[in-house]
Amino acid sequence: MVDFVDYCRRPNALKVMSQHRSLKGASTIQTKRNVLKRFERVELLKKRGVFKPGDRVIGLPKTKPDE
């Protein structure tokens, strides 16, 4: 096993870290999201006729995504 300090001091050492699965891109999400971003909620509320021009985007009602 390589000592961590020695590993960090080597100038030509290949320093690669793995990426946590929660930080991967949105294109790799396989499951359906149940939380919408604000602009998605506004679009959905407009489509349902609940959001009207001039309404505030802060404090929107809870919105479940379409199936």
N, C-alpha and C. Protein backbone atom coordinates (compact mmCIF):
# COMPACT_ATOMS: atom_id res chain seq x y z
N MET A 1 0.85 -1.18 0.00
CA MET A 1 0.00 0.00 0.00
C MET A 1 0.89 1.23 0.00
N VAL A 2 0.52 2.20 -0.81
CA VAL A 2 1.30 3.42 -0.95
C VAL A 2 0.89 4.41 0.13
N ASP A 3 1.89 5.00 0.77
CA ASP A 3 1.64 6.01 1.78
C ASP A 3 1.06 7.25 1.09
N PHE A 4 0.06 7.86 1.69
CA PHE A 4 -0.63 9.00 1.08
C PHE A 4 0.31 10.18 0.86
N VAL A 5 1.18 10.46 1.83
CA VAL A 5 2.10 11.60 1.71
C VAL A 5 3.06 11.36 0.56
N ASP A 6 3.60 10.15 0.45
CA ASP A 6 4.50 9.83 -0.66
C ASP A 6 3.77 9.94 -1.99
N TYR A 7 2.53 9.52 -2.02
CA TYR A 7 1.73 9.57 -3.24
C TYR A 7 1.55 11.02 -3.70
N CYS A 8 1.29 11.92 -2.76
CA CYS A 8 1.06 13.32 -3.10
C CYS A 8 2.34 14.03 -3.53
N ARG A 9 3.48 13.57 -3.05
CA ARG A 9 4.75 14.23 -3.36
C ARG A 9 5.31 13.82 -4.71
N ARG A 10 4.85 12.71 -5.26
CA ARG A 10 5.38 12.27 -6.55
C ARG A 10 4.88 13.21 -7.63
N PRO A 11 5.77 13.84 -8.39
CA PRO A 11 5.33 14.83 -9.38
C PRO A 11 4.58 14.23 -10.57
N ASN A 12 4.90 13.02 -10.96
CA ASN A 12 4.28 12.43 -12.14
C ASN A 12 3.20 11.42 -11.79
N ALA A 13 2.76 11.44 -10.55
CA ALA A 13 1.75 10.47 -10.12
C ALA A 13 0.41 10.80 -10.78
N LEU A 14 -0.26 9.77 -11.20
CA LEU A 14 -1.58 9.94 -11.79
C LEU A 14 -2.58 10.07 -10.65
N LYS A 15 -3.14 11.25 -10.48
CA LYS A 15 -4.04 11.52 -9.36
C LYS A 15 -5.46 11.58 -9.88
N VAL A 16 -6.16 10.49 -9.79
CA VAL A 16 -7.52 10.39 -10.29
C VAL A 16 -8.42 10.02 -9.13
N MET A 17 -9.51 10.76 -9.02
CA MET A 17 -10.49 10.45 -7.98
C MET A 17 -11.79 10.03 -8.66
N SER A 18 -12.49 9.15 -8.02
CA SER A 18 -13.77 8.74 -8.56
C SER A 18 -14.82 9.80 -8.23
N GLN A 19 -15.91 9.78 -8.96
CA GLN A 19 -16.98 10.75 -8.76
C GLN A 19 -18.16 10.05 -8.10
N HIS A 20 -18.71 10.68 -7.06
CA HIS A 20 -19.86 10.10 -6.37
C HIS A 20 -21.04 10.02 -7.33
N ARG A 21 -21.83 8.98 -7.21
CA ARG A 21 -22.93 8.76 -8.17
C ARG A 21 -23.98 9.86 -8.14
N SER A 22 -24.12 10.57 -7.00
CA SER A 22 -25.11 11.64 -6.93
C SER A 22 -24.67 12.88 -7.69
N LEU A 23 -23.38 12.96 -8.07
CA LEU A 23 -22.87 14.14 -8.77
C LEU A 23 -22.80 13.94 -10.27
N LYS A 24 -23.23 12.82 -10.77
CA LYS A 24 -23.18 12.58 -12.21
C LYS A 24 -24.21 13.45 -12.91
N GLY A 25 -24.08 13.60 -14.21
CA GLY A 25 -24.94 14.48 -14.99
C GLY A 25 -26.40 14.08 -14.97
N ALA A 26 -27.24 15.01 -15.34
CA ALA A 26 -28.68 14.77 -15.35
C ALA A 26 -29.08 13.76 -16.41
N SER A 27 -28.25 13.60 -17.43
CA SER A 27 -28.59 12.65 -18.50
C SER A 27 -28.51 11.20 -18.03
N THR A 28 -27.86 10.96 -16.91
CA THR A 28 -27.72 9.59 -16.42
C THR A 28 -28.81 9.22 -15.42
N ILE A 29 -29.71 10.16 -15.12
CA ILE A 29 -30.79 9.87 -14.17
C ILE A 29 -31.76 8.89 -14.81
N GLN A 30 -31.97 7.78 -14.16
CA GLN A 30 -32.83 6.73 -14.71
C GLN A 30 -34.23 6.77 -14.10
N THR A 31 -34.34 7.18 -12.85
CA THR A 31 -35.64 7.17 -12.19
C THR A 31 -36.38 8.47 -12.46
N LYS A 32 -37.70 8.43 -12.33
CA LYS A 32 -38.52 9.61 -12.54
C LYS A 32 -38.38 10.54 -11.34
N ARG A 33 -38.12 11.81 -11.61
CA ARG A 33 -37.97 12.77 -10.52
C ARG A 33 -39.33 13.13 -9.96
N ASN A 34 -39.42 13.31 -8.66
CA ASN A 34 -40.68 13.73 -8.05
C ASN A 34 -40.58 15.16 -7.53
N VAL A 35 -39.46 15.82 -7.77
CA VAL A 35 -39.30 17.22 -7.38
C VAL A 35 -38.98 18.00 -8.65
N LEU A 36 -39.76 19.04 -8.90
CA LEU A 36 -39.57 19.84 -10.11
C LEU A 36 -38.81 21.11 -9.79
N LYS A 37 -38.09 21.61 -10.78
CA LYS A 37 -37.44 22.90 -10.64
C LYS A 37 -38.50 23.99 -10.80
N ARG A 38 -38.18 25.19 -10.35
CA ARG A 38 -39.19 26.26 -10.33
C ARG A 38 -39.76 26.53 -11.71
N PHE A 39 -38.91 26.60 -12.74
CA PHE A 39 -39.43 26.90 -14.07
C PHE A 39 -40.32 25.77 -14.58
N GLU A 40 -40.03 24.54 -14.17
CA GLU A 40 -40.89 23.41 -14.57
C GLU A 40 -42.23 23.49 -13.87
N ARG A 41 -42.22 23.91 -12.60
CA ARG A 41 -43.47 24.06 -11.87
C ARG A 41 -44.33 25.17 -12.48
N VAL A 42 -43.70 26.29 -12.86
CA VAL A 42 -44.45 27.40 -13.47
C VAL A 42 -45.07 26.95 -14.78
N GLU A 43 -44.30 26.25 -15.62
CA GLU A 43 -44.84 25.76 -16.89
C GLU A 43 -46.02 24.82 -16.66
N LEU A 44 -45.90 23.93 -15.69
CA LEU A 44 -46.97 22.98 -15.41
C LEU A 44 -48.21 23.69 -14.87
N LEU A 45 -48.00 24.68 -13.99
CA LEU A 45 -49.14 25.44 -13.45
C LEU A 45 -49.81 26.28 -14.53
N LYS A 46 -49.03 26.82 -15.48
CA LYS A 46 -49.62 27.56 -16.60
C LYS A 46 -50.48 26.64 -17.43
N LYS A 47 -49.96 25.43 -17.68
CA LYS A 47 -50.70 24.46 -18.49
C LYS A 47 -52.01 24.06 -17.81
N ARG A 48 -51.99 24.00 -16.48
CA ARG A 48 -53.19 23.62 -15.72
C ARG A 48 -54.12 24.82 -15.49
N GLY A 49 -53.65 26.03 -15.82
CA GLY A 49 -54.48 27.21 -15.66
C GLY A 49 -54.46 27.80 -14.27
N VAL A 50 -53.53 27.40 -13.42
CA VAL A 50 -53.45 27.90 -12.05
C VAL A 50 -52.56 29.14 -11.97
N PHE A 51 -51.52 29.20 -12.78
CA PHE A 51 -50.58 30.32 -12.76
C PHE A 51 -50.96 31.30 -13.86
N LYS A 52 -51.10 32.56 -13.49
CA LYS A 52 -51.48 33.60 -14.45
C LYS A 52 -50.37 34.63 -14.55
N PRO A 53 -50.25 35.32 -15.68
CA PRO A 53 -49.23 36.37 -15.81
C PRO A 53 -49.37 37.40 -14.68
N GLY A 54 -48.25 37.74 -14.07
CA GLY A 54 -48.27 38.69 -12.96
C GLY A 54 -48.22 38.02 -11.61
N ASP A 55 -48.48 36.71 -11.54
CA ASP A 55 -48.38 35.99 -10.28
C ASP A 55 -46.92 35.89 -9.87
N ARG A 56 -46.69 35.76 -8.57
CA ARG A 56 -45.33 35.64 -8.06
C ARG A 56 -44.84 34.21 -8.20
N VAL A 57 -43.54 34.08 -8.47
CA VAL A 57 -42.95 32.74 -8.60
C VAL A 57 -42.40 32.24 -7.26
N ILE A 58 -42.46 33.08 -6.24
CA ILE A 58 -42.06 32.68 -4.90
C ILE A 58 -43.30 32.20 -4.17
N GLY A 59 -43.20 31.07 -3.50
CA GLY A 59 -44.33 30.55 -2.74
C GLY A 59 -45.35 29.84 -3.62
N LEU A 60 -44.87 29.14 -4.63
CA LEU A 60 -45.78 28.40 -5.50
C LEU A 60 -46.41 27.22 -4.75
N PRO A 61 -47.62 26.83 -5.13
CA PRO A 61 -48.21 25.66 -4.48
C PRO A 61 -47.46 24.38 -4.85
N LYS A 62 -47.57 23.38 -3.99
CA LYS A 62 -46.93 22.10 -4.28
C LYS A 62 -47.50 21.56 -5.58
N THR A 63 -46.65 20.98 -6.38
CA THR A 63 -47.05 20.53 -7.70
C THR A 63 -46.47 19.16 -7.96
N LYS A 64 -47.33 18.19 -8.25
CA LYS A 64 -46.87 16.87 -8.61
C LYS A 64 -46.68 16.82 -10.12
N PRO A 65 -45.60 16.18 -10.58
CA PRO A 65 -45.37 16.11 -12.04
C PRO A 65 -46.43 15.23 -12.71
N ASP A 66 -46.66 15.52 -13.99
CA ASP A 66 -47.58 14.68 -14.76
C ASP A 66 -46.99 13.30 -14.91
N GLU A 67 -47.84 12.34 -15.00
CA GLU A 67 -47.39 10.94 -15.12
C GLU A 67 -46.95 10.62 -16.51
